PDB file of N, CA and C in Angstrom:
ATOM      1  N   MET A   1     -26.828 136.378 -14.516  1.00  0.00           N
ATOM      2  CA  MET A   1     -27.272 137.810 -13.752  1.00  0.00           C
ATOM      3  C   MET A   1     -26.720 138.803 -14.569  1.00  0.00           C
ATOM      4  N   ASP A   2     -27.414 139.888 -14.581  1.00  0.00           N
ATOM      5  CA  ASP A   2     -27.125 141.234 -15.334  1.00  0.00           C
ATOM      6  C   ASP A   2     -26.196 141.958 -14.531  1.00  0.00           C
ATOM      7  N   VAL A   3     -25.058 142.478 -15.259  1.00  0.00           N
ATOM      8  CA  VAL A   3     -23.915 143.286 -14.640  1.00  0.00           C
ATOM      9  C   VAL A   3     -24.451 144.476 -14.337  1.00  0.00           C
ATOM     10  N   TYR A   4     -25.497 145.087 -15.012  1.00  0.00           N
ATOM     11  CA  TYR A   4     -26.138 146.393 -14.768  1.00  0.00           C
ATOM     12  C   TYR A   4     -26.868 146.354 -13.358  1.00  0.00           C
ATOM     13  N   ARG A   5     -27.592 145.216 -13.215  1.00  0.00           N
ATOM     14  CA  ARG A   5     -28.589 145.071 -11.950  1.00  0.00           C
ATOM     15  C   ARG A   5     -27.527 144.888 -10.815  1.00  0.00           C
ATOM     16  N   ALA A   6     -26.477 144.024 -10.977  1.00  0.00           N
ATOM     17  CA  ALA A   6     -25.466 143.947  -9.893  1.00  0.00           C
ATOM     18  C   ALA A   6     -24.888 145.240  -9.523  1.00  0.00           C
ATOM     19  N   ILE A   7     -24.595 146.130 -10.315  1.00  0.00           N
ATOM     20  CA  ILE A   7     -23.669 147.293 -10.009  1.00  0.00           C
ATOM     21  C   ILE A   7     -24.642 148.542  -9.575  1.00  0.00           C
ATOM     22  N   ALA A   8     -26.095 148.249  -9.796  1.00  0.00           N
ATOM     23  CA  ALA A   8     -26.931 149.395  -9.423  1.00  0.00           C
ATOM     24  C   ALA A   8     -27.145 149.581  -7.889  1.00  0.00           C
ATOM     25  N   ASP A   9     -26.894 148.642  -7.120  1.00  0.00           N
ATOM     26  CA  ASP A   9     -26.948 148.801  -5.571  1.00  0.00           C
ATOM     27  C   ASP A   9     -25.814 149.416  -5.054  1.00  0.00           C
ATOM     28  N   PRO A  10     -25.931 150.418  -4.082  1.00  0.00           N
ATOM     29  CA  PRO A  10     -24.671 151.098  -3.592  1.00  0.00           C
ATOM     30  C   PRO A  10     -23.876 150.221  -2.689  1.00  0.00           C
ATOM     31  N   THR A  11     -24.530 149.300  -2.107  1.00  0.00           N
ATOM     32  CA  THR A  11     -23.823 148.353  -1.221  1.00  0.00           C
ATOM     33  C   THR A  11     -22.866 147.511  -1.874  1.00  0.00           C
ATOM     34  N   ARG A  12     -23.309 146.976  -3.204  1.00  0.00           N
ATOM     35  CA  ARG A  12     -22.603 146.104  -4.033  1.00  0.00           C
ATOM     36  C   ARG A  12     -21.347 146.944  -4.746  1.00  0.00           C
ATOM     37  N   ARG A  13     -21.617 148.332  -4.928  1.00  0.00           N
ATOM     38  CA  ARG A  13     -20.522 148.918  -5.505  1.00  0.00           C
ATOM     39  C   ARG A  13     -19.364 149.164  -4.469  1.00  0.00           C
ATOM     40  N   ALA A  14     -19.856 149.427  -3.129  1.00  0.00           N
ATOM     41  CA  ALA A  14     -18.917 149.523  -2.004  1.00  0.00           C
ATOM     42  C   ALA A  14     -18.150 148.204  -1.776  1.00  0.00           C
ATOM     43  N   ILE A  15     -18.736 147.079  -1.914  1.00  0.00           N
ATOM     44  CA  ILE A  15     -18.055 145.760  -1.882  1.00  0.00           C
ATOM     45  C   ILE A  15     -16.982 145.627  -3.058  1.00  0.00           C
ATOM     46  N   LEU A  16     -17.442 146.031  -4.277  1.00  0.00           N
ATOM     47  CA  LEU A  16     -16.539 145.921  -5.324  1.00  0.00           C
ATOM     48  C   LEU A  16     -15.217 146.954  -5.046  1.00  0.00           C
ATOM     49  N   ASP A  17     -15.408 148.065  -4.582  1.00  0.00           N
ATOM     50  CA  ASP A  17     -14.371 148.986  -4.244  1.00  0.00           C
ATOM     51  C   ASP A  17     -13.405 148.408  -3.251  1.00  0.00           C
ATOM     52  N   GLU A  18     -14.105 147.762  -2.189  1.00  0.00           N
ATOM     53  CA  GLU A  18     -13.108 147.121  -1.305  1.00  0.00           C
ATOM     54  C   GLU A  18     -12.426 145.976  -1.829  1.00  0.00           C
ATOM     55  N   LEU A  19     -13.015 145.295  -2.760  1.00  0.00           N
ATOM     56  CA  LEU A  19     -12.200 144.279  -3.333  1.00  0.00           C
ATOM     57  C   LEU A  19     -11.247 144.582  -4.408  1.00  0.00           C
ATOM     58  N   VAL A  20     -11.564 145.820  -5.068  1.00  0.00           N
ATOM     59  CA  VAL A  20     -10.400 146.492  -5.854  1.00  0.00           C
ATOM     60  C   VAL A  20      -9.260 146.851  -5.010  1.00  0.00           C
ATOM     61  N   ASP A  21      -9.438 147.385  -3.927  1.00  0.00           N
ATOM     62  CA  ASP A  21      -8.329 147.872  -2.839  1.00  0.00           C
ATOM     63  C   ASP A  21      -7.617 146.749  -2.431  1.00  0.00           C
ATOM     64  N   ARG A  22      -8.373 145.561  -2.082  1.00  0.00           N
ATOM     65  CA  ARG A  22      -7.726 144.380  -1.464  1.00  0.00           C
ATOM     66  C   ARG A  22      -8.371 143.231  -1.885  1.00  0.00           C
ATOM     67  N   SER A  23      -7.988 142.480  -2.837  1.00  0.00           N
ATOM     68  CA  SER A  23      -8.728 141.355  -3.264  1.00  0.00           C
ATOM     69  C   SER A  23      -8.335 140.137  -2.176  1.00  0.00           C
ATOM     70  N   GLY A  24      -9.168 139.143  -2.339  1.00  0.00           N
ATOM     71  CA  GLY A  24      -8.906 137.896  -1.520  1.00  0.00           C
ATOM     72  C   GLY A  24      -9.411 138.131  -0.018  1.00  0.00           C
ATOM     73  N   GLN A  25     -10.516 138.900   0.149  1.00  0.00           N
ATOM     74  CA  GLN A  25     -10.990 139.064   1.398  1.00  0.00           C
ATOM     75  C   GLN A  25     -12.057 137.986   1.903  1.00  0.00           C
ATOM     76  N   SER A  26     -12.331 137.659   3.016  1.00  0.00           N
ATOM     77  CA  SER A  26     -13.271 136.840   3.556  1.00  0.00           C
ATOM     78  C   SER A  26     -14.530 137.633   3.869  1.00  0.00           C
ATOM     79  N   LEU A  27     -15.723 136.974   4.036  1.00  0.00           N
ATOM     80  CA  LEU A  27     -16.840 137.777   4.544  1.00  0.00           C
ATOM     81  C   LEU A  27     -16.759 138.570   5.646  1.00  0.00           C
ATOM     82  N   PHE A  28     -16.028 138.007   6.621  1.00  0.00           N
ATOM     83  CA  PHE A  28     -15.828 138.709   8.023  1.00  0.00           C
ATOM     84  C   PHE A  28     -14.972 139.947   7.716  1.00  0.00           C
ATOM     85  N   GLU A  29     -13.918 139.841   6.904  1.00  0.00           N
ATOM     86  CA  GLU A  29     -13.204 141.027   6.498  1.00  0.00           C
ATOM     87  C   GLU A  29     -13.858 142.110   5.748  1.00  0.00           C
ATOM     88  N   LEU A  30     -14.652 141.702   4.823  1.00  0.00           N
ATOM     89  CA  LEU A  30     -15.521 142.508   4.094  1.00  0.00           C
ATOM     90  C   LEU A  30     -16.498 143.412   4.946  1.00  0.00           C
ATOM     91  N   CYS A  31     -17.255 142.598   5.831  1.00  0.00           N
ATOM     92  CA  CYS A  31     -18.170 143.335   6.589  1.00  0.00           C
ATOM     93  C   CYS A  31     -17.602 144.322   7.523  1.00  0.00           C
ATOM     94  N   ALA A  32     -16.277 144.085   8.038  1.00  0.00           N
ATOM     95  CA  ALA A  32     -15.628 145.121   8.933  1.00  0.00           C
ATOM     96  C   ALA A  32     -15.158 146.241   8.159  1.00  0.00           C
ATOM     97  N   ARG A  33     -14.626 146.105   6.920  1.00  0.00           N
ATOM     98  CA  ARG A  33     -14.258 147.273   6.164  1.00  0.00           C
ATOM     99  C   ARG A  33     -15.440 147.933   5.654  1.00  0.00           C
ATOM    100  N   LEU A  34     -16.557 147.436   5.303  1.00  0.00           N
ATOM    101  CA  LEU A  34     -17.792 148.185   5.010  1.00  0.00           C
ATOM    102  C   LEU A  34     -18.381 148.945   6.133  1.00  0.00           C
ATOM    103  N   THR A  35     -18.208 148.442   7.301  1.00  0.00           N
ATOM    104  CA  THR A  35     -18.621 149.186   8.510  1.00  0.00           C
ATOM    105  C   THR A  35     -17.626 150.510   8.735  1.00  0.00           C
ATOM    106  N   MET A  36     -16.450 150.124   8.703  1.00  0.00           N
ATOM    107  CA  MET A  36     -15.430 151.071   9.076  1.00  0.00           C
ATOM    108  C   MET A  36     -15.370 152.233   8.020  1.00  0.00           C
ATOM    109  N   LYS A  37     -15.259 151.854   6.862  1.00  0.00           N
ATOM    110  CA  LYS A  37     -14.950 152.734   5.753  1.00  0.00           C
ATOM    111  C   LYS A  37     -16.257 153.440   5.179  1.00  0.00           C
ATOM    112  N   HIS A  38     -17.249 152.732   5.130  1.00  0.00           N
ATOM    113  CA  HIS A  38     -18.564 153.011   4.357  1.00  0.00           C
ATOM    114  C   HIS A  38     -19.770 153.279   5.228  1.00  0.00           C
ATOM    115  N   GLY A  39     -19.653 153.015   6.532  1.00  0.00           N
ATOM    116  CA  GLY A  39     -20.803 153.231   7.465  1.00  0.00           C
ATOM    117  C   GLY A  39     -21.911 152.246   7.024  1.00  0.00           C
ATOM    118  N   ILE A  40     -21.577 151.081   6.418  1.00  0.00           N
ATOM    119  CA  ILE A  40     -22.629 149.970   6.072  1.00  0.00           C
ATOM    120  C   ILE A  40     -22.582 149.103   7.210  1.00  0.00           C
ATOM    121  N   ASN A  41     -23.733 148.935   7.873  1.00  0.00           N
ATOM    122  CA  ASN A  41     -23.997 147.949   8.998  1.00  0.00           C
ATOM    123  C   ASN A  41     -24.844 146.958   8.610  1.00  0.00           C
ATOM    124  N   SER A  42     -24.823 146.303   7.503  1.00  0.00           N
ATOM    125  CA  SER A  42     -25.701 145.361   7.103  1.00  0.00           C
ATOM    126  C   SER A  42     -25.187 144.022   7.652  1.00  0.00           C
ATOM    127  N   SER A  43     -26.146 143.042   7.887  1.00  0.00           N
ATOM    128  CA  SER A  43     -25.820 141.833   8.644  1.00  0.00           C
ATOM    129  C   SER A  43     -24.752 140.916   7.482  1.00  0.00           C
ATOM    130  N   ARG A  44     -24.199 140.084   8.246  1.00  0.00           N
ATOM    131  CA  ARG A  44     -23.276 139.125   7.349  1.00  0.00           C
ATOM    132  C   ARG A  44     -24.094 138.442   6.327  1.00  0.00           C
ATOM    133  N   GLN A  45     -25.313 138.006   6.768  1.00  0.00           N
ATOM    134  CA  GLN A  45     -26.194 137.371   5.535  1.00  0.00           C
ATOM    135  C   GLN A  45     -26.482 138.207   4.459  1.00  0.00           C
ATOM    136  N   ALA A  46     -26.863 139.446   4.745  1.00  0.00           N
ATOM    137  CA  ALA A  46     -27.100 140.507   3.740  1.00  0.00           C
ATOM    138  C   ALA A  46     -25.983 140.725   2.816  1.00  0.00           C
ATOM    139  N   ILE A  47     -24.760 140.912   3.433  1.00  0.00           N
ATOM    140  CA  ILE A  47     -23.502 140.985   2.576  1.00  0.00           C
ATOM    141  C   ILE A  47     -23.311 139.774   1.869  1.00  0.00           C
ATOM    142  N   ALA A  48     -23.602 138.633   2.337  1.00  0.00           N
ATOM    143  CA  ALA A  48     -23.301 137.297   1.641  1.00  0.00           C
ATOM    144  C   ALA A  48     -24.287 137.264   0.465  1.00  0.00           C
ATOM    145  N   GLN A  49     -25.491 137.917   0.596  1.00  0.00           N
ATOM    146  CA  GLN A  49     -26.306 137.723  -0.514  1.00  0.00           C
ATOM    147  C   GLN A  49     -25.913 138.746  -1.652  1.00  0.00           C
ATOM    148  N   HIS A  50     -25.383 139.864  -1.138  1.00  0.00           N
ATOM    149  CA  HIS A  50     -24.997 140.716  -2.289  1.00  0.00           C
ATOM    150  C   HIS A  50     -23.724 140.074  -2.991  1.00  0.00           C
ATOM    151  N   LEU A  51     -22.869 139.459  -2.230  1.00  0.00           N
ATOM    152  CA  LEU A  51     -21.666 138.637  -2.874  1.00  0.00           C
ATOM    153  C   LEU A  51     -22.174 137.602  -3.929  1.00  0.00           C
ATOM    154  N   GLY A  52     -23.241 137.086  -3.585  1.00  0.00           N
ATOM    155  CA  GLY A  52     -23.868 136.059  -4.399  1.00  0.00           C
ATOM    156  C   GLY A  52     -24.241 136.556  -5.744  1.00  0.00           C
ATOM    157  N   VAL A  53     -24.924 137.740  -5.703  1.00  0.00           N
ATOM    158  CA  VAL A  53     -25.344 138.559  -6.772  1.00  0.00           C
ATOM    159  C   VAL A  53     -24.122 138.932  -7.727  1.00  0.00           C
ATOM    160  N   LEU A  54     -23.263 139.548  -6.983  1.00  0.00           N
ATOM    161  CA  LEU A  54     -21.871 139.878  -7.698  1.00  0.00           C
ATOM    162  C   LEU A  54     -21.178 138.815  -8.376  1.00  0.00           C
ATOM    163  N   GLU A  55     -21.163 137.590  -7.664  1.00  0.00           N
ATOM    164  CA  GLU A  55     -20.494 136.450  -8.160  1.00  0.00           C
ATOM    165  C   GLU A  55     -21.481 135.955  -9.587  1.00  0.00           C
ATOM    166  N   ALA A  56     -22.650 135.896  -9.419  1.00  0.00           N
ATOM    167  CA  ALA A  56     -23.433 135.429 -10.387  1.00  0.00           C
ATOM    168  C   ALA A  56     -23.315 136.239 -11.764  1.00  0.00           C
ATOM    169  N   ALA A  57     -23.082 137.658 -11.368  1.00  0.00           N
ATOM    170  CA  ALA A  57     -22.779 138.525 -12.730  1.00  0.00           C
ATOM    171  C   ALA A  57     -21.351 138.352 -13.195  1.00  0.00           C
ATOM    172  N   GLY A  58     -20.539 137.618 -12.503  1.00  0.00           N
ATOM    173  CA  GLY A  58     -19.235 137.440 -12.921  1.00  0.00           C
ATOM    174  C   GLY A  58     -18.203 138.522 -12.450  1.00  0.00           C
ATOM    175  N   LEU A  59     -18.540 139.346 -11.550  1.00  0.00           N
ATOM    176  CA  LEU A  59     -17.838 140.496 -11.081  1.00  0.00           C
ATOM    177  C   LEU A  59     -16.873 140.126  -9.916  1.00  0.00           C
ATOM    178  N   ILE A  60     -17.075 139.005  -9.209  1.00  0.00           N
ATOM    179  CA  ILE A  60     -16.131 138.513  -8.202  1.00  0.00           C
ATOM    180  C   ILE A  60     -16.057 136.933  -8.530  1.00  0.00           C
ATOM    181  N   ARG A  61     -14.946 136.482  -8.109  1.00  0.00           N
ATOM    182  CA  ARG A  61     -14.808 134.955  -7.981  1.00  0.00           C
ATOM    183  C   ARG A  61     -14.512 134.475  -6.708  1.00  0.00           C
ATOM    184  N   THR A  62     -14.681 133.341  -6.181  1.00  0.00           N
ATOM    185  CA  THR A  62     -14.504 132.864  -4.944  1.00  0.00           C
ATOM    186  C   THR A  62     -13.652 131.725  -4.835  1.00  0.00           C
ATOM    187  N   ARG A  63     -12.869 131.370  -3.651  1.00  0.00           N
ATOM    188  CA  ARG A  63     -12.459 130.131  -3.430  1.00  0.00           C
ATOM    189  C   ARG A  63     -12.278 129.945  -2.084  1.00  0.00           C
ATOM    190  N   ARG A  64     -12.596 128.509  -1.540  1.00  0.00           N
ATOM    191  CA  ARG A  64     -12.577 128.106  -0.337  1.00  0.00           C
ATOM    192  C   ARG A  64     -11.079 128.094  -0.049  1.00  0.00           C
ATOM    193  N   VAL A  65     -10.755 128.540   1.315  1.00  0.00           N
ATOM    194  CA  VAL A  65      -9.346 128.220   1.956  1.00  0.00           C
ATOM    195  C   VAL A  65      -9.672 127.875   3.211  1.00  0.00           C
ATOM    196  N   GLY A  66      -9.612 126.509   3.523  1.00  0.00           N
ATOM    197  CA  GLY A  66      -9.847 125.983   4.771  1.00  0.00           C
ATOM    198  C   GLY A  66     -11.330 126.258   5.171  1.00  0.00           C
ATOM    199  N   ARG A  67     -11.742 126.981   6.210  1.00  0.00           N
ATOM    200  CA  ARG A  67     -13.071 127.142   6.553  1.00  0.00           C
ATOM    201  C   ARG A  67     -13.661 128.555   6.025  1.00  0.00           C
ATOM    202  N   SER A  68     -12.680 129.212   5.328  1.00  0.00           N
ATOM    203  CA  SER A  68     -13.166 130.461   4.943  1.00  0.00           C
ATOM    204  C   SER A  68     -13.318 130.529   3.284  1.00  0.00           C
ATOM    205  N   LYS A  69     -14.254 131.364   2.937  1.00  0.00           N
ATOM    206  CA  LYS A  69     -14.457 131.540   1.433  1.00  0.00           C
ATOM    207  C   LYS A  69     -13.730 132.836   1.134  1.00  0.00           C
ATOM    208  N   LEU A  70     -12.897 133.037   0.224  1.00  0.00           N
ATOM    209  CA  LEU A  70     -12.441 134.259  -0.031  1.00  0.00           C
ATOM    210  C   LEU A  70     -12.804 134.818  -1.390  1.00  0.00           C
ATOM    211  N   HIS A  71     -12.864 136.101  -1.473  1.00  0.00           N
ATOM    212  CA  HIS A  71     -13.434 136.813  -2.671  1.00  0.00           C
ATOM    213  C   HIS A  71     -12.492 137.677  -3.354  1.00  0.00           C
ATOM    214  N   TRP A  72     -12.515 137.618  -4.698  1.00  0.00           N
ATOM    215  CA  TRP A  72     -11.630 138.398  -5.560  1.00  0.00           C
ATOM    216  C   TRP A  72     -12.391 139.156  -6.713  1.00  0.00           C
ATOM    217  N   TYR A  73     -12.039 140.339  -6.878  1.00  0.00           N
ATOM    218  CA  TYR A  73     -12.669 141.209  -7.999  1.00  0.00           C
ATOM    219  C   TYR A  73     -12.329 140.641  -9.227  1.00  0.00           C
ATOM    220  N   GLN A  74     -13.250 140.674 -10.197  1.00  0.00           N
ATOM    221  CA  GLN A  74     -13.108 140.353 -11.660  1.00  0.00           C
ATOM    222  C   GLN A  74     -13.600 141.463 -12.473  1.00  0.00           C
ATOM    223  N   GLY A  75     -12.685 142.139 -13.168  1.00  0.00           N
ATOM    224  CA  GLY A  75     -13.152 143.374 -13.887  1.00  0.00           C
ATOM    225  C   GLY A  75     -13.511 143.242 -15.209  1.00  0.00           C
ATOM    226  N   ASP A  76     -13.370 141.850 -15.743  1.00  0.00           N
ATOM    227  CA  ASP A  76     -13.729 141.640 -17.222  1.00  0.00           C
ATOM    228  C   ASP A  76     -15.079 142.103 -17.709  1.00  0.00           C
ATOM    229  N   PRO A  77     -16.029 141.863 -16.864  1.00  0.00           N
ATOM    230  CA  PRO A  77     -17.451 142.220 -17.263  1.00  0.00           C
ATOM    231  C   PRO A  77     -17.551 143.890 -17.480  1.00  0.00           C
ATOM    232  N   LEU A  78     -16.914 144.517 -16.491  1.00  0.00           N
ATOM    233  CA  LEU A  78     -17.113 146.037 -16.671  1.00  0.00           C
ATOM    234  C   LEU A  78     -16.226 146.488 -17.687  1.00  0.00           C
ATOM    235  N   LYS A  79     -14.908 145.904 -18.045  1.00  0.00           N
ATOM    236  CA  LYS A  79     -14.264 146.160 -19.185  1.00  0.00           C
ATOM    237  C   LYS A  79     -14.875 146.004 -20.440  1.00  0.00           C
ATOM    238  N   ALA A  80     -15.590 144.901 -20.509  1.00  0.00           N
ATOM    239  CA  ALA A  80     -16.292 144.685 -21.672  1.00  0.00           C
ATOM    240  C   ALA A  80     -17.449 145.656 -21.934  1.00  0.00           C
ATOM    241  N   ILE A  81     -18.079 146.158 -21.047  1.00  0.00           N
ATOM    242  CA  ILE A  81     -19.063 147.187 -21.135  1.00  0.00           C
ATOM    243  C   ILE A  81     -18.476 148.482 -21.473  1.00  0.00           C
ATOM    244  N   ALA A  82     -17.401 148.847 -21.093  1.00  0.00           N
ATOM    245  CA  ALA A  82     -16.658 150.149 -21.348  1.00  0.00           C
ATOM    246  C   ALA A  82     -16.178 150.028 -22.758  1.00  0.00           C
ATOM    247  N   GLU A  83     -15.703 148.711 -23.236  1.00  0.00           N
ATOM    248  CA  GLU A  83     -15.095 148.804 -24.548  1.00  0.00           C
ATOM    249  C   GLU A  83     -16.329 148.899 -25.625  1.00  0.00           C
ATOM    250  N   ARG A  84     -17.435 148.301 -25.372  1.00  0.00           N
ATOM    251  CA  ARG A  84     -18.430 148.428 -26.391  1.00  0.00           C
ATOM    252  C   ARG A  84     -19.496 149.521 -26.204  1.00  0.00           C
ATOM    253  N   TRP A  85     -19.230 150.235 -25.073  1.00  0.00           N
ATOM    254  CA  TRP A  85     -20.267 151.524 -25.059  1.00  0.00           C
ATOM    255  C   TRP A  85     -19.744 152.624 -25.855  1.00  0.00           C
ATOM    256  N   PRO A  86     -20.825 153.102 -26.739  1.00  0.00           N
ATOM    257  CA  PRO A  86     -20.499 154.299 -27.583  1.00  0.00           C
ATOM    258  C   PRO A  86     -20.058 155.483 -26.819  1.00  0.00           C
ATOM    259  N   ILE A  87     -19.011 155.946 -27.496  1.00  0.00           N
ATOM    260  CA  ILE A  87     -18.355 157.349 -26.870  1.00  0.00           C
ATOM    261  C   ILE A  87     -18.843 158.443 -27.753  1.00  0.00           C
ATOM    262  N   ALA A  88     -19.720 159.358 -27.071  1.00  0.00           N
ATOM    263  CA  ALA A  88     -20.157 160.583 -27.775  1.00  0.00           C
ATOM    264  C   ALA A  88     -19.036 161.541 -27.931  1.00  0.00           C
ATOM    265  N   THR A  89     -18.922 162.091 -29.085  1.00  0.00           N
ATOM    266  CA  THR A  89     -17.841 163.127 -29.201  1.00  0.00           C
ATOM    267  C   THR A  89     -18.674 164.313 -29.638  1.00  0.00           C
ATOM    268  N   ASP A  90     -17.958 165.403 -29.306  1.00  0.00           N
ATOM    269  CA  ASP A  90     -18.376 166.860 -29.290  1.00  0.00           C
ATOM    270  C   ASP A  90     -18.115 167.287 -30.693  1.00  0.00           C
ATOM    271  N   GLU A  91     -19.133 167.750 -31.430  1.00  0.00           N
ATOM    272  CA  GLU A  91     -18.858 168.206 -32.708  1.00  0.00           C
ATOM    273  C   GLU A  91     -17.829 169.371 -32.839  1.00  0.00           C
ATOM    274  N   ARG A  92     -17.727 170.069 -31.758  1.00  0.00           N
ATOM    275  CA  ARG A  92     -16.835 171.142 -31.889  1.00  0.00           C
ATOM    276  C   ARG A  92     -15.321 170.837 -31.680  1.00  0.00           C
ATOM    277  N   ASP A  93     -15.013 169.451 -31.309  1.00  0.00           N
ATOM    278  CA  ASP A  93     -13.688 168.873 -31.270  1.00  0.00           C
ATOM    279  C   ASP A  93     -13.266 168.545 -32.600  1.00  0.00           C
ATOM    280  N   THR A  94     -14.022 168.352 -33.558  1.00  0.00           N
ATOM    281  CA  THR A  94     -13.712 167.958 -34.940  1.00  0.00           C
ATOM    282  C   THR A  94     -13.222 168.902 -35.737  1.00  0.00           C
TER     283      THR A  94
END
C-alpha cells in the first residue's frame, strides 16, 4: 500500500493524529475520540477499513489483546519520506 495514498484521506490523518497522541487504542476508543475531537461520525466498519489501509501502508501496527485489537502508530514510513525528500533552499540564504 502506498503511504501517500494512505495519508491522502483526512479521516486517516485524524486517526494517525489520535494514535500519535495515545497509542494502543481499540477501534471503539478511536471511534469515540474521532467523534468527540474531530466531529467524524463514520461507522465502526468505515473506521476499521481506514485502519486496514493504514496498516497495509505500514503506518500502524496492531495486536490482539483478549477480544480487542489494539492499534499503534508507526512513524518509520513518514520519517523515510522526510529524510529522502529534497529540501529546496532559497538562493538568498547562501
